[in-house]
């Protein structure tokens, strides 16, 4: 009888560090799924997506400036971030609330590794926010009238904000182990950021907030914004890492990797915070560039038909759209104005930076028209009114001084060809009215309409008599003669005149 010896191989065991890392990732996946399915986060993302669809569908009337569209992606992620903060903090204190904390002592994962899993669980929420940001900005960029350039650093603010708030929730939960601390902090943050009680945008301290919005009525060229967006993104990224690693350290993680990561992330946070605060103050070079763009801009010019159109390089694709408006206005004009070559110049006042609304003085040169950097909506009748005023009065400066019946001719040229003339009349007036006297908006100095002129213009636009266009061209010389009364203009165009003479014609 023989004996057979069988040698059994010892089982291969993974190193403890590898098993711990896999366990941390498994916990992170589990907690991330729970966080994304929590009620506050689901509500926040649903509201976020609904807001994107509602806002982006008709924003800027399909004519966005992408250097403003990137900043428009930053506000709503704060709502998602607050929801993630609340849910992350509740996940950390879940075992304390349910009285199961002592059961974790039998697990392989040490407390600091569990905290690392919680910190990593906020990453998918930040990535989902990044998808929403990309969708919103991509939608704007694909619109037919989009101009300009977006900034990757500005687009990163939304996802980084969610990361910061999520890491803050993890740290808060670990420090307090209280279920009420996070809701109280959310209320405080809502009061500070949403209600606007924080520092002003002009101060360097404002850049310590996650989002610094500086939006004005008219976009500026990308190179004139002067926002320290890259340093701000570094500041937010460092803050998110610092908060997450600090939560791990508080939970007992004292490894060399944690300590080194905490030092590096704090250094990034401080560096970004200091440099962004310094970058909030315009440099001498930026101030000089803004001055040149406001006083002696370097424009790119193109010929369309009889006229010349000069724009900042980022707006050069829009000159054809302006030419379409000019052609429509001149098509209903008479006399020499029908074929008058115009020079359309894009003008801004960038000396005070973004977020300001500075008046642009009217041009005094004959045949010169100003156009701004915003387009669509009210800007179309405002521009067409400026064109009409130059055709009737000769220059923008002279058009701003019109008071007699020529204003009726100006408004007919500006509005009669538009799809909804009465709606355009309402939108181009400062008080959104179609009765009484009002200020008529323009890219430069506004025009003014008296009550009688408004009555005549409204009759012309609501129910124009047959052949009104032909009458405008036939009587062009008298309709544009200085001193012509509103009553005489109404008579020439075949509509009832005003009930009383306008005060400026007395």
Protein backbone atom coordinates (compact mmCIF):
# COMPACT_ATOMS: atom_id res chain seq x y z
CA UNK A 1 0.00 0.00 0.00
CA UNK A 2 1.47 3.30 -1.04
CA UNK A 3 0.81 6.74 0.33
CA UNK A 4 0.32 9.74 -1.96
CA UNK A 5 1.28 13.07 -0.55
CA UNK A 6 -0.64 16.05 -1.91
CA UNK A 7 0.83 19.48 -1.28
CA UNK A 8 -1.82 22.14 -0.89
CA UNK A 9 -0.98 25.64 -1.97
CA UNK A 10 -1.62 28.41 0.52
CA UNK A 11 -4.40 30.82 -0.45
CA UNK A 12 -3.23 34.06 -1.99
CA UNK A 13 -4.30 36.96 0.13
CA UNK A 14 -4.49 40.50 -1.16
CA UNK A 15 -2.52 43.06 0.82
CA UNK A 16 -4.52 44.78 3.50
CA UNK A 17 -4.07 48.17 1.84
CA UNK A 18 -5.53 46.85 -1.44
CA UNK A 19 -8.51 45.34 0.36
CA UNK A 20 -9.03 48.61 2.23
CA UNK A 21 -8.94 50.64 -0.97
CA UNK A 22 -11.45 48.34 -2.64
CA UNK A 23 -13.70 48.56 0.41
CA UNK A 24 -13.50 52.36 0.37
CA UNK A 25 -14.49 52.42 -3.29
CA UNK A 26 -17.34 50.00 -2.67
CA UNK A 27 -18.61 52.17 0.18
CA UNK A 28 -18.24 55.27 -2.00
CA UNK A 29 -20.33 53.68 -4.76
CA UNK A 30 -23.00 52.65 -2.28
CA UNK A 31 -23.16 56.07 -0.61
CA UNK A 32 -23.06 57.88 -3.97
CA UNK A 33 -26.09 55.90 -5.15
CA UNK A 34 -27.96 56.70 -1.95
CA UNK A 35 -26.98 60.35 -2.15
CA UNK A 36 -28.12 60.75 -5.77
CA UNK A 37 -31.44 59.08 -4.92
CA UNK A 38 -32.03 61.12 -1.75
CA UNK A 39 -35.08 63.35 -1.86
CA UNK A 40 -33.26 66.73 -1.59
CA UNK A 41 -30.79 65.86 -4.35
CA UNK A 42 -33.45 64.47 -6.68
CA UNK A 43 -35.58 67.59 -6.21
CA UNK A 44 -32.56 69.83 -6.77
CA UNK A 45 -31.53 68.11 -10.00
CA UNK A 46 -35.09 68.07 -11.32
CA UNK A 47 -35.38 71.79 -10.61
CA UNK A 48 -31.94 72.35 -12.18
CA UNK A 49 -32.81 70.56 -15.41
CA UNK A 50 -36.20 72.29 -15.60
CA UNK A 51 -34.50 75.65 -15.10
CA UNK A 52 -32.00 74.89 -17.89
CA UNK A 53 -34.78 74.02 -20.31
CA UNK A 54 -36.90 77.04 -19.34
CA UNK A 55 -34.05 79.54 -19.40
CA UNK A 56 -31.94 78.33 -22.30
CA UNK A 57 -34.76 77.73 -24.74
CA UNK A 58 -35.25 81.45 -25.42
CA UNK A 59 -32.33 83.07 -23.64
CA UNK A 60 -30.69 86.00 -25.42
CA UNK A 61 -33.22 85.44 -28.24
CA UNK A 62 -30.85 82.86 -29.72
CA UNK A 63 -28.04 85.45 -29.84
CA UNK A 64 -25.86 84.64 -26.82
CA UNK A 65 -22.37 85.95 -26.14
CA UNK A 66 -20.61 82.82 -24.93
CA UNK A 67 -18.34 84.75 -22.55
CA UNK A 68 -21.54 85.57 -20.65
CA UNK A 69 -23.22 82.21 -21.25
CA UNK A 70 -20.46 80.37 -19.39
CA UNK A 71 -21.08 82.45 -16.25
CA UNK A 72 -24.81 81.82 -16.57
CA UNK A 73 -24.12 78.16 -15.72
CA UNK A 74 -22.86 78.97 -12.22
CA UNK A 75 -25.86 80.01 -10.15
CA UNK A 76 -28.13 76.95 -10.16
CA UNK A 77 -25.41 74.43 -9.17
CA UNK A 78 -25.40 76.19 -5.80
CA UNK A 79 -28.90 74.78 -5.22
CA UNK A 80 -27.62 71.30 -6.08
CA UNK A 81 -24.62 71.87 -3.82
CA UNK A 82 -26.81 72.74 -0.85
CA UNK A 83 -28.86 69.59 -1.40
CA UNK A 84 -25.68 67.51 -1.64
CA UNK A 85 -24.35 69.14 1.54
CA UNK A 86 -27.52 68.22 3.41
CA UNK A 87 -27.63 64.63 2.14
CA UNK A 88 -23.90 64.01 2.63
CA UNK A 89 -24.03 65.23 6.21
CA UNK A 90 -27.06 63.04 6.93
CA UNK A 91 -25.24 60.02 5.47
CA UNK A 92 -22.27 60.57 7.79
CA UNK A 93 -24.45 60.73 10.92
CA UNK A 94 -26.80 57.96 9.81
CA UNK A 95 -25.21 55.39 12.09
CA UNK A 96 -25.38 57.81 15.03
CA UNK A 97 -29.06 58.52 14.38
CA UNK A 98 -29.93 54.83 14.12
CA UNK A 99 -27.77 53.75 17.06
CA UNK A 100 -25.63 51.39 14.97
CA UNK A 101 -22.27 53.12 15.32
CA UNK A 102 -20.88 50.43 17.66
CA UNK A 103 -21.51 47.73 15.05
CA UNK A 104 -18.89 49.25 12.75
CA UNK A 105 -16.11 48.26 15.17
CA UNK A 106 -16.24 44.69 13.80
CA UNK A 107 -15.67 45.76 10.19
CA UNK A 108 -12.38 45.87 8.34
CA UNK A 109 -12.82 49.53 7.47
CA UNK A 110 -11.41 51.88 10.03
CA UNK A 111 -13.38 55.09 10.74
CA UNK A 112 -11.13 57.29 8.61
CA UNK A 113 -11.51 54.97 5.62
CA UNK A 114 -15.28 55.15 6.03
CA UNK A 115 -14.97 58.92 6.00
CA UNK A 116 -12.92 58.71 2.79
CA UNK A 117 -15.76 56.71 1.24
CA UNK A 118 -18.25 59.39 2.25
CA UNK A 119 -16.00 62.13 0.80
CA UNK A 120 -15.72 60.27 -2.51
CA UNK A 121 -19.47 59.75 -2.65
CA UNK A 122 -20.04 63.40 -3.61
CA UNK A 123 -17.94 63.06 -6.79
CA UNK A 124 -20.74 61.53 -8.95
CA UNK A 125 -23.03 64.44 -8.01
CA UNK A 126 -20.34 66.87 -9.17
CA UNK A 127 -19.89 64.90 -12.40
CA UNK A 128 -23.64 64.93 -13.04
CA UNK A 129 -23.58 68.69 -12.50
CA UNK A 130 -20.78 68.93 -15.05
CA UNK A 131 -23.00 67.10 -17.55
CA UNK A 132 -25.79 69.62 -16.92
CA UNK A 133 -23.36 72.53 -17.30
CA UNK A 134 -22.04 71.11 -20.57
CA UNK A 135 -25.58 70.62 -21.84
CA UNK A 136 -26.61 74.17 -20.98
CA UNK A 137 -23.52 75.78 -22.48
CA UNK A 138 -23.55 73.51 -25.52
CA UNK A 139 -27.17 74.45 -26.18
CA UNK A 140 -26.20 78.13 -26.16
CA UNK A 141 -23.13 77.55 -28.31
CA UNK A 142 -25.17 75.78 -30.99
CA UNK A 143 -27.64 78.64 -31.38
CA UNK A 144 -27.40 80.33 -34.77
CA UNK A 145 -26.56 83.76 -33.38
CA UNK A 146 -23.94 82.68 -30.83
CA UNK A 147 -20.73 84.72 -30.75
CA UNK A 148 -17.68 84.92 -28.51
CA UNK A 149 -15.77 82.34 -26.52
CA UNK A 150 -16.52 80.50 -23.29
CA UNK A 151 -13.98 79.87 -20.53
CA UNK A 152 -13.32 76.32 -19.25
CA UNK A 153 -12.45 77.79 -15.86
CA UNK A 154 -15.82 79.56 -15.65
CA UNK A 155 -17.61 76.37 -16.70
CA UNK A 156 -15.81 74.42 -13.97
CA UNK A 157 -17.26 76.61 -11.22
CA UNK A 158 -20.62 74.81 -11.07
CA UNK A 159 -19.24 71.26 -10.57
CA UNK A 160 -16.56 72.54 -8.19
CA UNK A 161 -19.20 74.34 -6.13
CA UNK A 162 -21.08 71.06 -5.69
CA UNK A 163 -17.83 69.37 -4.66
CA UNK A 164 -17.08 72.06 -2.08
CA UNK A 165 -20.56 71.91 -0.57
CA UNK A 166 -20.54 68.11 -0.54
CA UNK A 167 -17.15 67.93 1.18
CA UNK A 168 -18.31 70.57 3.65
CA UNK A 169 -21.32 68.39 4.47
CA UNK A 170 -19.06 65.38 5.13
CA UNK A 171 -16.79 67.42 7.40
CA UNK A 172 -19.74 68.99 9.22
CA UNK A 173 -21.32 65.61 9.84
CA UNK A 174 -18.05 64.20 11.20
CA UNK A 175 -17.41 67.16 13.49
CA UNK A 176 -20.91 67.47 14.94
CA UNK A 177 -22.48 64.02 14.50
CA UNK A 178 -25.73 65.97 14.67
CA UNK A 179 -28.69 65.77 12.31
CA UNK A 180 -29.62 69.44 12.78
CA UNK A 181 -26.26 71.03 12.02
CA UNK A 182 -26.50 70.64 8.25
CA UNK A 183 -30.02 72.11 7.89
CA UNK A 184 -28.96 75.10 9.98
CA UNK A 185 -25.88 75.63 7.82
CA UNK A 186 -28.00 75.40 4.66
CA UNK A 187 -30.24 78.18 6.01
CA UNK A 188 -27.20 80.34 6.75
CA UNK A 189 -25.72 79.75 3.30
CA UNK A 190 -29.03 80.54 1.62
CA UNK A 191 -29.16 83.79 3.55
CA UNK A 192 -25.58 84.71 2.62
CA UNK A 193 -25.43 83.64 -1.04
CA UNK A 194 -29.02 83.73 -2.32
CA UNK A 195 -30.22 86.84 -0.49
CA UNK A 196 -26.98 88.62 -1.36
CA UNK A 197 -25.78 89.72 2.04
CA UNK A 198 -22.17 88.82 1.27
CA UNK A 199 -19.37 91.19 0.23
CA UNK A 200 -19.78 93.32 -2.85
CA UNK A 201 -18.45 92.17 -6.20
CA UNK A 202 -16.00 95.05 -6.30
CA UNK A 203 -14.04 93.74 -3.30
CA UNK A 204 -11.48 90.95 -3.38
CA UNK A 205 -13.38 89.24 -0.57
CA UNK A 206 -16.26 88.52 -2.94
CA UNK A 207 -14.11 85.91 -4.67
CA UNK A 208 -14.09 83.80 -1.51
CA UNK A 209 -17.70 82.91 -2.37
CA UNK A 210 -18.27 80.00 -4.76
CA UNK A 211 -19.98 82.15 -7.41
CA UNK A 212 -19.15 85.75 -8.30
CA UNK A 213 -21.67 87.04 -10.82
CA UNK A 214 -20.78 90.18 -12.77
CA UNK A 215 -23.40 90.50 -15.47
CA UNK A 216 -24.34 93.71 -17.19
CA UNK A 217 -26.78 94.72 -19.91
CA UNK A 218 -24.17 94.45 -22.67
CA UNK A 219 -21.46 91.79 -23.03
CA UNK A 220 -17.82 92.79 -23.25
CA UNK A 221 -15.19 91.17 -25.46
CA UNK A 222 -13.59 88.16 -23.79
CA UNK A 223 -10.20 89.81 -23.35
CA UNK A 224 -11.73 92.76 -21.47
CA UNK A 225 -13.56 90.83 -18.76
CA UNK A 226 -10.63 90.71 -16.35
CA UNK A 227 -12.08 87.93 -14.19
CA UNK A 228 -9.53 85.70 -12.37
CA UNK A 229 -11.50 82.63 -13.37
CA UNK A 230 -8.56 80.20 -13.46
CA UNK A 231 -7.39 81.17 -9.97
CA UNK A 232 -10.96 80.92 -8.70
CA UNK A 233 -11.25 77.41 -10.11
CA UNK A 234 -7.99 76.47 -8.37
CA UNK A 235 -9.31 77.97 -5.14
CA UNK A 236 -12.53 75.93 -5.32
CA UNK A 237 -10.73 72.71 -6.25
CA UNK A 238 -8.29 73.17 -3.38
CA UNK A 239 -11.13 73.96 -0.98
CA UNK A 240 -13.04 70.81 -1.95
CA UNK A 241 -9.96 68.61 -1.49
CA UNK A 242 -9.03 70.32 1.77
CA UNK A 243 -12.47 69.83 3.29
CA UNK A 244 -12.61 66.17 2.25
CA UNK A 245 -9.11 65.37 3.50
CA UNK A 246 -9.74 67.31 6.71
CA UNK A 247 -12.79 65.13 7.37
CA UNK A 248 -10.59 62.05 6.85
CA UNK A 249 -7.93 63.44 9.19
CA UNK A 250 -10.47 64.27 11.90
CA UNK A 251 -11.73 60.69 11.69
CA UNK A 252 -8.23 59.39 12.47
CA UNK A 253 -6.52 59.30 9.07
CA UNK A 254 -2.97 60.28 9.88
CA UNK A 255 -1.18 58.53 7.04
CA UNK A 256 1.56 60.24 5.11
CA UNK A 257 -0.62 60.36 2.00
CA UNK A 258 -3.44 62.11 3.85
CA UNK A 259 -1.08 64.62 5.47
CA UNK A 260 0.69 65.38 2.19
CA UNK A 261 -2.61 65.71 0.33
CA UNK A 262 -3.97 68.05 2.99
CA UNK A 263 -0.89 70.26 2.84
CA UNK A 264 -0.95 70.44 -0.96
CA UNK A 265 -4.69 71.12 -1.14
CA UNK A 266 -4.44 73.86 1.49
CA UNK A 267 -1.56 75.38 -0.45
CA UNK A 268 -3.68 75.34 -3.62
CA UNK A 269 -6.59 76.93 -1.77
CA UNK A 270 -4.48 79.71 -0.29
CA UNK A 271 -2.65 80.33 -3.57
CA UNK A 272 -5.85 80.49 -5.56
CA UNK A 273 -7.54 82.66 -2.93
CA UNK A 274 -4.71 85.20 -2.80
CA UNK A 275 -4.19 85.39 -6.55
CA UNK A 276 -7.89 85.64 -7.33
CA UNK A 277 -8.27 88.52 -4.86
CA UNK A 278 -5.37 90.31 -6.54
CA UNK A 279 -6.74 89.54 -9.98
CA UNK A 280 -10.08 91.14 -9.09
CA UNK A 281 -8.37 94.54 -9.38
CA UNK A 282 -7.80 95.47 -13.04
CA UNK A 283 -4.16 95.68 -14.05
CA UNK A 284 -2.73 98.71 -15.82
CA UNK A 285 -2.66 96.74 -19.08
CA UNK A 286 -6.32 95.74 -18.74
CA UNK A 287 -7.35 99.29 -17.84
CA UNK A 288 -5.53 100.61 -20.91
CA UNK A 289 -7.13 97.95 -23.13
CA UNK A 290 -10.58 98.86 -21.85
CA UNK A 291 -9.88 102.53 -22.49
CA UNK A 292 -8.81 101.81 -26.08
CA UNK A 293 -11.86 99.64 -26.72
CA UNK A 294 -14.10 102.43 -25.45
CA UNK A 295 -12.45 105.36 -27.20
CA UNK A 296 -10.40 104.00 -30.13
CA UNK A 297 -11.55 100.43 -30.70
CA UNK A 298 -9.83 98.15 -33.18
CA UNK A 299 -12.74 96.85 -35.23
CA UNK A 300 -13.10 94.41 -38.10
CA UNK A 301 -15.07 95.94 -40.97
CA UNK A 302 -17.08 94.31 -43.74
CA UNK A 303 -19.11 95.60 -46.65
CA UNK A 304 -22.76 94.55 -47.02
CA UNK A 305 -24.53 96.22 -49.90
CA UNK A 306 -24.01 99.96 -49.84
CA UNK A 307 -23.02 100.20 -46.18
CA UNK A 308 -20.00 99.36 -44.06
CA UNK A 309 -20.23 97.44 -40.79
CA UNK A 310 -17.44 97.50 -38.20
CA UNK A 311 -17.47 95.18 -35.18
CA UNK A 312 -15.21 93.71 -32.55
CA UNK A 313 -13.65 90.49 -33.92
CA UNK A 314 -15.89 88.21 -31.85
CA UNK A 315 -18.99 89.92 -33.24
CA UNK A 316 -17.87 89.93 -36.89
CA UNK A 317 -20.29 87.09 -37.82
CA UNK A 318 -23.20 89.27 -36.75
CA UNK A 319 -22.66 92.08 -39.27
CA UNK A 320 -24.88 90.35 -41.81
CA UNK A 321 -27.75 90.40 -39.31
CA UNK A 322 -27.31 94.13 -38.74
CA UNK A 323 -27.23 94.65 -42.50
CA UNK A 324 -30.58 92.91 -42.81
CA UNK A 325 -32.16 95.42 -40.42
CA UNK A 326 -30.58 98.38 -42.19
CA UNK A 327 -31.82 97.12 -45.55
CA UNK A 328 -35.38 96.74 -44.22
CA UNK A 329 -35.38 100.27 -42.81
CA UNK A 330 -33.96 101.82 -45.98
CA UNK A 331 -36.43 99.84 -48.13
CA UNK A 332 -39.32 101.90 -46.69
CA UNK A 333 -37.42 105.21 -46.77
CA UNK A 334 -37.66 107.72 -49.59
CA UNK A 335 -35.46 110.29 -51.27
CA UNK A 336 -31.71 109.99 -50.94
CA UNK A 337 -32.09 108.05 -47.66
CA UNK A 338 -33.23 105.02 -49.65
CA UNK A 339 -29.74 104.55 -51.09
CA UNK A 340 -27.65 106.38 -48.49
CA UNK A 341 -24.43 104.51 -47.57
CA UNK A 342 -24.18 104.13 -43.80
CA UNK A 343 -21.32 103.26 -41.47
CA UNK A 344 -22.47 101.04 -38.61
CA UNK A 345 -19.97 100.95 -35.74
CA UNK A 346 -20.08 98.67 -32.73
CA UNK A 347 -19.37 100.69 -29.60
CA UNK A 348 -19.04 99.89 -25.92
CA UNK A 349 -17.96 101.62 -22.73
CA UNK A 350 -15.74 99.05 -21.04
CA UNK A 351 -13.86 101.48 -18.80
CA UNK A 352 -15.78 100.40 -15.71
CA UNK A 353 -15.61 96.68 -16.38
CA UNK A 354 -18.40 94.11 -16.70
CA UNK A 355 -21.63 94.58 -14.80
CA UNK A 356 -21.88 98.32 -15.42
CA UNK A 357 -24.38 100.22 -17.55
CA UNK A 358 -22.58 103.27 -18.92
CA UNK A 359 -24.19 105.63 -21.42
CA UNK A 360 -22.62 105.83 -24.87
CA UNK A 361 -22.64 109.32 -26.42
CA UNK A 362 -24.26 109.77 -29.81
CA UNK A 363 -22.12 110.05 -32.92
CA UNK A 364 -22.10 113.44 -34.62
CA UNK A 365 -20.86 112.28 -38.02
CA UNK A 366 -23.36 112.08 -40.86
CA UNK A 367 -24.51 108.60 -41.79
CA UNK A 368 -22.91 106.89 -38.77
CA UNK A 369 -24.93 104.50 -36.58
CA UNK A 370 -24.03 102.83 -33.30
CA UNK A 371 -24.81 99.21 -32.50
CA UNK A 372 -24.16 97.49 -29.18
CA UNK A 373 -22.87 94.04 -28.26
CA UNK A 374 -26.28 92.66 -27.22
CA UNK A 375 -28.76 91.56 -29.84
CA UNK A 376 -32.26 90.17 -30.12
CA UNK A 377 -35.47 91.17 -28.35
CA UNK A 378 -35.64 94.87 -27.59
CA UNK A 379 -32.24 95.50 -29.13
CA UNK A 380 -33.61 95.05 -32.67
CA UNK A 381 -36.17 97.91 -32.59
CA UNK A 382 -33.69 100.03 -30.65
CA UNK A 383 -31.14 99.64 -33.43
CA UNK A 384 -33.70 100.14 -36.19
CA UNK A 385 -34.86 103.34 -34.46
CA UNK A 386 -31.26 104.58 -34.42
CA UNK A 387 -30.92 103.82 -38.13
CA UNK A 388 -34.22 105.56 -38.91
CA UNK A 389 -33.22 108.63 -36.88
CA UNK A 390 -29.96 108.94 -38.85
CA UNK A 391 -31.82 108.60 -42.17
CA UNK A 392 -34.30 111.33 -41.15
CA UNK A 393 -32.15 113.74 -39.13
CA UNK A 394 -28.73 113.09 -40.66
CA UNK A 395 -26.84 112.00 -37.53
CA UNK A 396 -27.38 110.29 -34.19
CA UNK A 397 -26.81 113.51 -32.28
CA UNK A 398 -29.42 115.34 -34.38
CA UNK A 399 -31.84 112.42 -34.04
CA UNK A 400 -31.70 112.69 -30.26
CA UNK A 401 -32.95 116.27 -30.49
CA UNK A 402 -36.00 115.55 -32.69
CA UNK A 403 -39.22 116.91 -31.28
CA UNK A 404 -41.39 117.77 -34.27
CA UNK A 405 -43.44 115.58 -36.60
CA UNK A 406 -40.33 113.91 -37.99
CA UNK A 407 -40.54 111.50 -35.03
CA UNK A 408 -43.60 109.95 -36.69
CA UNK A 409 -41.53 109.29 -39.81
CA UNK A 410 -38.71 107.85 -37.72
CA UNK A 411 -41.00 105.41 -35.93
CA UNK A 412 -42.69 104.36 -39.17
CA UNK A 413 -39.33 103.53 -40.73
CA UNK A 414 -38.22 101.71 -37.60
CA UNK A 415 -41.30 99.60 -36.91
CA UNK A 416 -43.58 99.26 -39.95
CA UNK A 417 -41.63 96.35 -41.49
CA UNK A 418 -41.35 94.27 -38.32
CA UNK A 419 -43.41 91.12 -37.74
CA UNK A 420 -45.47 92.70 -34.94
CA UNK A 421 -45.10 96.49 -35.21
CA UNK A 422 -47.26 97.25 -32.17
CA UNK A 423 -45.30 94.86 -29.99
CA UNK A 424 -42.06 96.40 -31.26
CA UNK A 425 -43.42 99.86 -30.40
CA UNK A 426 -44.18 98.70 -26.87
CA UNK A 427 -40.74 97.16 -26.39
CA UNK A 428 -38.76 100.09 -27.73
CA UNK A 429 -40.41 102.55 -25.31
CA UNK A 430 -39.00 102.86 -21.81
CA UNK A 431 -42.36 102.43 -20.06
CA UNK A 432 -43.58 99.59 -22.34
CA UNK A 433 -46.66 101.63 -23.26
CA UNK A 434 -48.37 102.52 -26.54
CA UNK A 435 -50.15 105.64 -25.26
CA UNK A 436 -48.98 108.98 -23.99
CA UNK A 437 -45.52 110.46 -24.18
CA UNK A 438 -42.50 108.22 -23.66
CA UNK A 439 -38.76 107.81 -24.07
CA UNK A 440 -37.70 105.73 -27.06
CA UNK A 441 -34.64 103.62 -26.35
CA UNK A 442 -31.61 103.68 -28.62
CA UNK A 443 -28.02 102.38 -28.45
CA UNK A 444 -26.91 105.94 -27.63
CA UNK A 445 -28.96 108.99 -26.64
CA UNK A 446 -32.67 108.14 -26.40
CA UNK A 447 -35.35 109.69 -28.56
CA UNK A 448 -38.63 111.07 -27.27
CA UNK A 449 -42.25 110.81 -28.41
CA UNK A 450 -45.01 113.17 -27.41
CA UNK A 451 -48.57 112.08 -26.77
CA UNK A 452 -49.74 113.34 -30.15
CA UNK A 453 -46.92 111.62 -32.01
CA UNK A 454 -47.72 108.38 -30.19
CA UNK A 455 -51.36 108.61 -31.27
CA UNK A 456 -50.42 109.08 -34.94
CA UNK A 457 -47.80 106.31 -34.89
CA UNK A 458 -50.25 103.92 -33.24
CA UNK A 459 -52.88 104.60 -35.94
CA UNK A 460 -50.29 104.02 -38.65
CA UNK A 461 -49.13 100.72 -37.19
CA UNK A 462 -52.50 99.31 -36.08
CA UNK A 463 -54.41 99.97 -39.30
CA UNK A 464 -52.20 101.61 -41.92
CA UNK A 465 -54.17 103.14 -44.83
CA UNK A 466 -53.59 101.61 -48.23
CA UNK A 467 -50.57 103.08 -49.93
CA UNK A 468 -48.90 104.44 -46.80
CA UNK A 469 -45.51 103.26 -47.97
CA UNK A 470 -45.94 105.02 -51.28
CA UNK A 471 -47.01 108.23 -49.51
CA UNK A 472 -43.87 108.14 -47.35
CA UNK A 473 -41.68 108.04 -50.45
CA UNK A 474 -43.80 110.56 -52.37
CA UNK A 475 -43.76 113.17 -49.59
CA UNK A 476 -40.34 112.29 -48.19
CA UNK A 477 -38.92 115.81 -48.44
CA UNK A 478 -41.79 117.34 -46.46
CA UNK A 479 -42.01 114.45 -43.96
CA UNK A 480 -38.35 114.96 -43.04
CA UNK A 481 -38.27 118.77 -43.17
CA UNK A 482 -37.27 120.42 -39.86
CA UNK A 483 -40.25 121.97 -38.13
CA UNK A 484 -42.93 119.87 -39.82
CA UNK A 485 -45.82 119.40 -37.44
CA UNK A 486 -47.27 116.10 -36.33
CA UNK A 487 -50.65 117.17 -37.70
CA UNK A 488 -49.14 117.81 -41.14
CA UNK A 489 -47.36 114.44 -41.13
CA UNK A 490 -50.62 112.71 -40.23
CA UNK A 491 -52.39 114.53 -43.05
CA UNK A 492 -49.75 113.52 -45.59
CA UNK A 493 -49.96 109.87 -44.49
CA UNK A 494 -53.77 109.76 -44.51
CA UNK A 495 -54.54 109.23 -40.79
CA UNK A 496 -56.27 111.51 -38.25
CA UNK A 497 -53.96 113.95 -36.55
CA UNK A 498 -53.49 114.52 -32.82
CA UNK A 499 -56.23 116.21 -30.85
CA UNK A 500 -53.94 118.98 -29.74
CA UNK A 501 -50.61 120.38 -30.83
CA UNK A 502 -47.56 118.93 -29.13
CA UNK A 503 -45.90 121.17 -26.59
CA UNK A 504 -42.60 121.18 -28.47
CA UNK A 505 -44.38 122.48 -31.59
CA UNK A 506 -46.16 125.37 -29.90
